[in-house]
Every structure is written in C-alpha cells, then in structure tokens.
Amino acid sequence: MIIVFIVYSIILLALFFLSKNKYKDYIEPLDKKEYRLKSLLPVGFFILDKIKYKYSSKYDRMLQSKLAELKEAKYSLYYLQVHMANKVTLLLVVLLIIVFAGITVDELDIGYIIFGVLVLGAVVYLTDNELNEKVKKRRLSIQIDFPDFLNKLILLVNAGMTMSRAWEKIITESKKDTPLYNELRTVLADIRGGKSQITAFEDFAKRCRIPEITKFVSVVLQNLSKGSSEMIPILRLQATECWEMRKHAAKRLGEEASTKMLFPMLLMFVAIILIVATPAVLALMSSM
C-alpha cells in the first residue's frame, strides 16, 4: 500500500506541475473562500480537458441551470466547468487521504475498499448538495425580502408615481445587499442600458425563479402592454399572500434552527452530567 501511495502522490504532483500555469488566468477570478481548493483546480481542469468532457449531459444541464440562477446565465458555463473541476480535484484529494490511511491497515480487505468507494460517493453527493443548498438559500432570501419591496412599490404607485420611477426610487434609497435587491438593480441597469421594460422584467422572473416573482411580473407586463386599472388591487392581494408565505418561511427557519440546536444541547447535557456525576463516582470508588 505504501508503494501505491507513493506512485499516486507522484502522479498528482506531475499533474499539478503540468497544469499549474496552463489554467492560472482561468481560475484567477474565483473567490478563495468559496473554492478552498482553488490552487489545485488546474489539476481538475487538466483531467477534464484530457478526457474531452463535453458538459452537455442532462446532469450537466441541470447543474448549469442552478449555476445560472446563482452566477448569471452568461457565466453559467464557466461556473459549470469550475464546479466539475472542483469536484474532480476534491475526489483526487480525498482518494489520496484514503490511500494514505490505508497504509495503517494491516491487510487491505474488501471492507476498506467499499468504505473508500462510499466516501468518494459521499463527496460527489455533498458537492452537488452544497449547490442545491445555495439555490434554496437564495430563493428563501428573495421570498423574505419581496413582500416589503412590494408594499413600498404599491404605496409609491398608488401615490401617483409610474412603475419605473417607483422602482428606481426604492432601489436608490435602499442599501440592502441581498439577492432580491441585486436583481432589482440589474433590472434598472438593463432598462437604462437600452433593454425594453418587458424584456427586462421577463429576464428578472427567469433569474429569480420564484412563483411570487413570476406572478408579480405577469401583472406588471399586463399593465405595460394593455393597461389595467386593476393592477394595484391585484398587487395588494399578492402582497397579503406574500406576507403569509414570509411568515411560514420564518416559522420554517425557526424550526430548522431549533433542530440544529438539539445536538449542541445534548452535548452540553452530557457534559453537565459528567461534571456532576464524576466526583460522586470517584468518592464511591474510593470508599470501596
């Protein structure tokens, strides 16, 4: 097993030096906090290029769709390549650890091999699951922020402002740096850049992928294209529904937080029991 570890380590080092300068500029824009293996990513890119990976399977398209939601559609292919390279690199590093740990095993049996395969499978699952959690977190953040924005918009439009002017006023006065407000600023920038309001709002709904946003955009587009005196009452009704959804979302977050606290509380309880019981047990043992 030691020989396998040495050979595998040499191969990884060779791959690293072959790819280090080739993909340096490609990975430079990436955030080190988000991609902890950033310095090793060239190895993953190198392997994917050598096997001529096409990024065109159904699985790839699903990942690209989620990345388009998180990173903008025009950069989705780039981040798909980064995601896959990060996954390959992580698998190689974990495999190195498994092989290294295998040195201490007296006899490499089938059980250890199965364990290693399961660990590698868990790495693949957790890497994609982390992406899913980011998407869920983003959507939840939008759902929580949207009712407040919608109420402000209704008040301003009802006071006589146009939709675009009210939109601009809310964005310029807000200092929030959240997914929703970043998307709202993108809509404003698109319109100022020459994109039609209809296209800008449609793109906004596609990027957010939230039922509340889709419904809101359909009402706004109907007002822009045909005109509708019922827009404000419809938006008020939607605002009420959104506040109820926000309450449910907040309640769900509270339940998840309380569930996450169970394990630390259990550890604290065990620690307290040990602190209280240990002196009594020691005293009992000494008296015996």
Protein backbone atom coordinates (compact mmCIF):
# COMPACT_ATOMS: atom_id res chain seq x y z
CA MET A 1 0.00 0.00 0.00
CA ILE A 2 2.96 2.30 0.64
CA ILE A 3 4.07 1.83 -2.98
CA VAL A 4 0.56 2.71 -4.22
CA PHE A 5 0.58 5.86 -2.08
CA ILE A 6 3.99 6.96 -3.38
CA VAL A 7 3.07 6.31 -7.03
CA TYR A 8 -0.27 8.08 -6.66
CA SER A 9 1.38 11.08 -4.96
CA ILE A 10 3.94 11.35 -7.77
CA ILE A 11 1.16 11.27 -10.37
CA LEU A 12 -0.73 14.04 -8.57
CA LEU A 13 2.40 16.17 -8.32
CA ALA A 14 3.10 15.65 -12.03
CA LEU A 15 -0.47 16.67 -12.90
CA PHE A 16 -0.17 19.76 -10.70
CA PHE A 17 3.05 20.99 -12.32
CA LEU A 18 1.73 20.25 -15.83
CA SER A 19 -1.47 22.24 -15.26
CA LYS A 20 -0.38 24.97 -12.83
CA ASN A 21 0.44 27.66 -15.38
CA LYS A 22 -1.98 26.49 -18.05
CA TYR A 23 -5.12 27.46 -16.12
CA LYS A 24 -3.74 30.21 -13.91
CA ASP A 25 -5.65 33.05 -15.58
CA TYR A 26 -8.80 30.93 -15.84
CA ILE A 27 -9.13 30.43 -12.08
CA GLU A 28 -7.89 33.89 -11.05
CA PRO A 29 -11.40 35.47 -10.72
CA LEU A 30 -12.58 32.76 -8.30
CA ASP A 31 -13.12 33.51 -4.63
CA LYS A 32 -10.70 31.60 -2.39
CA LYS A 33 -13.32 31.38 0.39
CA GLU A 34 -15.86 29.75 -1.91
CA TYR A 35 -13.35 27.46 -3.65
CA ARG A 36 -10.96 26.31 -0.92
CA LEU A 37 -9.03 24.11 -3.37
CA LYS A 38 -8.54 26.99 -5.80
CA SER A 39 -4.78 26.45 -6.08
CA LEU A 40 -5.36 22.79 -7.05
CA LEU A 41 -8.22 23.41 -9.50
CA PRO A 42 -5.90 23.33 -12.57
CA VAL A 43 -5.50 19.59 -11.95
CA GLY A 44 -9.26 19.09 -12.32
CA PHE A 45 -9.39 21.24 -15.46
CA PHE A 46 -6.44 19.36 -16.93
CA ILE A 47 -8.10 15.96 -16.42
CA LEU A 48 -11.45 17.12 -17.80
CA ASP A 49 -9.73 18.55 -20.88
CA LYS A 50 -7.74 15.37 -21.46
CA ILE A 51 -10.84 13.16 -21.36
CA LYS A 52 -12.60 15.75 -23.59
CA TYR A 53 -15.55 16.21 -21.25
CA LYS A 54 -18.39 17.90 -23.17
CA TYR A 55 -20.53 19.43 -20.35
CA SER A 56 -23.61 18.53 -22.37
CA SER A 57 -25.34 15.71 -20.47
CA LYS A 58 -28.71 16.05 -18.76
CA TYR A 59 -26.90 16.14 -15.43
CA ASP A 60 -24.66 18.98 -16.65
CA ARG A 61 -27.64 20.96 -17.91
CA MET A 62 -29.32 20.60 -14.52
CA LEU A 63 -26.21 21.91 -12.76
CA GLN A 64 -25.83 24.72 -15.28
CA SER A 65 -29.43 25.78 -14.68
CA LYS A 66 -28.75 26.12 -10.95
CA LEU A 67 -25.49 27.94 -11.54
CA ALA A 68 -27.24 30.34 -13.93
CA GLU A 69 -29.52 31.25 -11.05
CA LEU A 70 -26.59 31.87 -8.72
CA LYS A 71 -23.98 33.36 -11.05
CA GLU A 72 -25.92 34.87 -14.01
CA ALA A 73 -26.80 32.96 -17.16
CA LYS A 74 -23.94 34.35 -19.27
CA TYR A 75 -21.37 32.94 -16.83
CA SER A 76 -23.15 29.65 -16.16
CA LEU A 77 -20.98 27.51 -18.49
CA TYR A 78 -17.79 28.88 -16.94
CA TYR A 79 -19.01 28.10 -13.42
CA LEU A 80 -20.19 24.65 -14.54
CA GLN A 81 -16.63 23.94 -15.68
CA VAL A 82 -15.32 25.26 -12.37
CA HIS A 83 -17.84 23.15 -10.41
CA MET A 84 -16.83 19.97 -12.25
CA ALA A 85 -13.11 20.74 -11.93
CA ASN A 86 -13.59 21.38 -8.22
CA LYS A 87 -15.40 18.06 -7.86
CA VAL A 88 -12.66 16.12 -9.69
CA THR A 89 -9.95 17.84 -7.62
CA LEU A 90 -11.76 17.10 -4.37
CA LEU A 91 -12.16 13.45 -5.36
CA LEU A 92 -8.42 13.19 -6.07
CA VAL A 93 -7.51 14.76 -2.72
CA VAL A 94 -9.94 12.55 -0.78
CA LEU A 95 -8.63 9.48 -2.62
CA LEU A 96 -5.10 10.47 -1.59
CA ILE A 97 -6.23 10.61 2.05
CA ILE A 98 -7.95 7.21 1.74
CA VAL A 99 -4.83 5.65 0.23
CA PHE A 100 -2.67 7.23 2.93
CA ALA A 101 -4.99 5.93 5.65
CA GLY A 102 -4.79 2.51 4.04
CA ILE A 103 -1.08 2.36 4.92
CA THR A 104 -2.01 1.85 8.57
CA VAL A 105 -4.34 -1.04 7.72
CA ASP A 106 -2.62 -4.37 8.27
CA GLU A 107 -4.49 -6.10 5.48
CA LEU A 108 -6.42 -4.30 2.77
CA ASP A 109 -9.74 -6.11 2.75
CA ILE A 110 -12.91 -5.65 0.72
CA GLY A 111 -14.50 -3.76 3.60
CA TYR A 112 -11.95 -0.95 3.40
CA ILE A 113 -12.34 -0.73 -0.38
CA ILE A 114 -16.14 -0.46 -0.02
CA PHE A 115 -15.63 2.21 2.64
CA GLY A 116 -13.39 4.18 0.26
CA VAL A 117 -15.94 3.95 -2.56
CA LEU A 118 -18.71 5.15 -0.22
CA VAL A 119 -16.58 8.11 0.89
CA LEU A 120 -15.93 9.10 -2.74
CA GLY A 121 -19.65 8.79 -3.50
CA ALA A 122 -20.41 10.99 -0.49
CA VAL A 123 -18.00 13.63 -1.84
CA VAL A 124 -19.88 13.74 -5.17
CA TYR A 125 -23.24 13.94 -3.38
CA LEU A 126 -22.18 16.62 -0.89
CA THR A 127 -20.61 18.78 -3.60
CA ASP A 128 -23.87 18.88 -5.56
CA ASN A 129 -25.93 19.15 -2.37
CA GLU A 130 -23.98 22.26 -1.39
CA LEU A 131 -25.01 23.81 -4.71
CA ASN A 132 -28.65 22.89 -4.05
CA GLU A 133 -28.48 24.46 -0.59
CA LYS A 134 -27.13 27.70 -2.06
CA VAL A 135 -30.04 27.83 -4.51
CA LYS A 136 -32.56 27.18 -1.72
CA LYS A 137 -30.97 29.82 0.48
CA ARG A 138 -31.08 32.37 -2.34
CA ARG A 139 -34.73 31.68 -3.13
CA LEU A 140 -35.67 31.88 0.54
CA SER A 141 -33.89 35.21 0.85
CA ILE A 142 -35.86 36.56 -2.12
CA GLN A 143 -39.13 35.31 -0.65
CA ILE A 144 -38.38 37.05 2.65
CA ASP A 145 -37.42 40.40 1.05
CA PHE A 146 -40.10 40.52 -1.63
CA PRO A 147 -43.21 41.42 0.49
CA ASP A 148 -41.51 44.53 1.88
CA PHE A 149 -40.44 45.65 -1.59
CA LEU A 150 -43.90 45.00 -2.99
CA ASN A 151 -45.58 47.08 -0.27
CA LYS A 152 -43.25 50.01 -0.95
CA LEU A 153 -43.92 49.73 -4.68
CA ILE A 154 -47.69 49.69 -4.17
CA LEU A 155 -47.56 52.78 -1.93
CA LEU A 156 -45.49 54.78 -4.42
CA VAL A 157 -47.51 53.75 -7.50
CA ASN A 158 -50.75 54.42 -5.64
CA ALA A 159 -49.39 57.88 -4.79
CA GLY A 160 -49.08 58.70 -8.50
CA MET A 161 -45.60 57.51 -9.47
CA THR A 162 -45.01 55.43 -12.57
CA MET A 163 -43.85 51.86 -12.09
CA SER A 164 -40.33 52.58 -13.38
CA ARG A 165 -39.96 55.73 -11.24
CA ALA A 166 -41.18 53.94 -8.10
CA TRP A 167 -38.84 51.03 -8.84
CA GLU A 168 -35.89 53.40 -9.21
CA LYS A 169 -36.72 55.30 -6.01
CA ILE A 170 -36.86 52.11 -3.92
CA ILE A 171 -33.54 50.86 -5.30
CA THR A 172 -31.65 54.13 -4.94
CA GLU A 173 -32.83 54.62 -1.35
CA SER A 174 -32.11 51.05 -0.27
CA LYS A 175 -28.66 49.96 0.89
CA LYS A 176 -29.55 46.26 1.08
CA ASP A 177 -27.09 43.85 -0.50
CA THR A 178 -29.36 40.82 -0.83
CA PRO A 179 -30.20 38.60 -3.82
CA LEU A 180 -33.55 40.34 -4.43
CA TYR A 181 -32.21 43.89 -4.33
CA ASN A 182 -29.24 42.91 -6.51
CA GLU A 183 -31.70 41.55 -9.06
CA LEU A 184 -33.81 44.71 -8.81
CA ARG A 185 -30.71 46.79 -9.52
CA THR A 186 -29.96 44.56 -12.51
CA VAL A 187 -33.45 45.28 -13.92
CA LEU A 188 -32.88 49.02 -13.55
CA ALA A 189 -29.43 48.77 -15.16
CA ASP A 190 -30.86 46.74 -18.07
CA ILE A 191 -33.56 49.33 -18.75
CA ARG A 192 -31.05 52.18 -18.56
CA GLY A 193 -28.81 50.21 -20.91
CA GLY A 194 -31.48 50.17 -23.62
CA LYS A 195 -33.30 46.92 -22.93
CA SER A 196 -37.08 47.16 -23.18
CA GLN A 197 -39.05 47.08 -19.93
CA ILE A 198 -40.90 43.94 -20.98
CA THR A 199 -37.68 42.04 -21.72
CA ALA A 200 -36.03 43.33 -18.53
CA PHE A 201 -38.94 42.16 -16.37
CA GLU A 202 -39.12 38.79 -18.14
CA ASP A 203 -35.39 38.25 -17.54
CA PHE A 204 -35.92 39.24 -13.90
CA ALA A 205 -38.52 36.50 -13.45
CA LYS A 206 -36.30 33.92 -15.19
CA ARG A 207 -33.36 34.73 -12.92
CA CYS A 208 -35.34 34.60 -9.67
CA ARG A 209 -37.44 31.50 -10.45
CA ILE A 210 -39.81 32.25 -7.59
CA PRO A 211 -43.60 31.80 -8.07
CA GLU A 212 -44.27 35.13 -6.33
CA ILE A 213 -41.93 36.98 -8.68
CA THR A 214 -43.38 35.25 -11.75
CA LYS A 215 -46.91 36.24 -10.72
CA PHE A 216 -45.82 39.81 -9.99
CA VAL A 217 -44.06 40.15 -13.35
CA SER A 218 -47.10 38.81 -15.23
CA VAL A 219 -49.28 41.51 -13.61
CA VAL A 220 -46.73 44.23 -14.39
CA LEU A 221 -46.34 43.08 -18.01
CA GLN A 222 -50.09 43.04 -18.49
CA ASN A 223 -50.21 46.62 -17.22
CA LEU A 224 -47.37 47.67 -19.53
CA SER A 225 -48.78 46.06 -22.66
CA LYS A 226 -52.53 46.54 -22.25
CA GLY A 227 -53.02 48.84 -19.30
CA SER A 228 -55.01 47.76 -16.29
CA SER A 229 -56.80 49.79 -13.64
CA GLU A 230 -56.92 46.65 -11.51
CA MET A 231 -53.16 46.38 -11.11
CA ILE A 232 -52.99 47.95 -7.63
CA PRO A 233 -55.77 45.80 -6.11
CA ILE A 234 -54.18 42.68 -7.61
CA LEU A 235 -50.76 43.62 -6.24
CA ARG A 236 -52.26 44.34 -2.82
CA LEU A 237 -53.82 40.89 -2.79
CA GLN A 238 -50.49 39.38 -3.80
CA ALA A 239 -48.70 41.38 -1.09
CA THR A 240 -51.03 39.86 1.52
CA GLU A 241 -50.30 36.38 0.19
CA CYS A 242 -46.55 37.07 0.18
CA TRP A 243 -46.61 38.20 3.81
CA GLU A 244 -48.32 34.95 4.77
CA MET A 245 -45.67 32.99 2.84
CA ARG A 246 -42.97 35.02 4.60
CA LYS A 247 -44.45 34.09 7.98
CA HIS A 248 -44.41 30.41 7.03
CA ALA A 249 -40.81 30.74 5.78
CA ALA A 250 -39.74 32.43 9.03
CA LYS A 251 -41.50 29.72 11.02
CA ARG A 252 -39.73 27.03 8.99
CA LEU A 253 -36.37 28.71 9.61
CA GLY A 254 -37.10 28.79 13.32
CA GLU A 255 -37.93 25.09 13.35
CA GLU A 256 -34.74 24.27 11.45
CA ALA A 257 -32.69 26.38 13.88
CA SER A 258 -34.21 24.63 16.90
CA THR A 259 -33.48 21.25 15.30
CA LYS A 260 -29.84 22.22 14.72
CA MET A 261 -29.57 23.22 18.39
CA LEU A 262 -30.57 19.75 19.61
CA PHE A 263 -27.13 18.20 19.15
CA PRO A 264 -25.16 21.00 20.91
CA MET A 265 -27.71 20.95 23.75
CA LEU A 266 -27.32 17.17 24.02
CA LEU A 267 -23.54 17.56 24.24
CA MET A 268 -23.94 20.22 26.93
CA PHE A 269 -26.32 17.96 28.86
CA VAL A 270 -23.84 15.04 28.71
CA ALA A 271 -21.01 17.36 29.84
CA ILE A 272 -23.08 18.60 32.81
CA ILE A 273 -23.95 15.03 33.80
CA LEU A 274 -20.25 14.09 33.68
CA ILE A 275 -19.24 17.13 35.74
CA VAL A 276 -21.89 16.42 38.36
CA ALA A 277 -21.58 12.64 38.45
CA THR A 278 -17.79 12.22 38.24
CA PRO A 279 -16.99 13.43 41.81
CA ALA A 280 -19.74 11.20 43.21
CA VAL A 281 -18.46 8.17 41.28
CA LEU A 282 -14.85 8.84 42.37
CA ALA A 283 -15.93 9.23 46.01
CA LEU A 284 -17.88 5.99 45.84
CA MET A 285 -14.92 4.14 44.32
CA SER A 286 -12.51 5.48 46.94
CA SER A 287 -14.82 4.44 49.79
CA MET A 288 -14.97 0.92 48.42
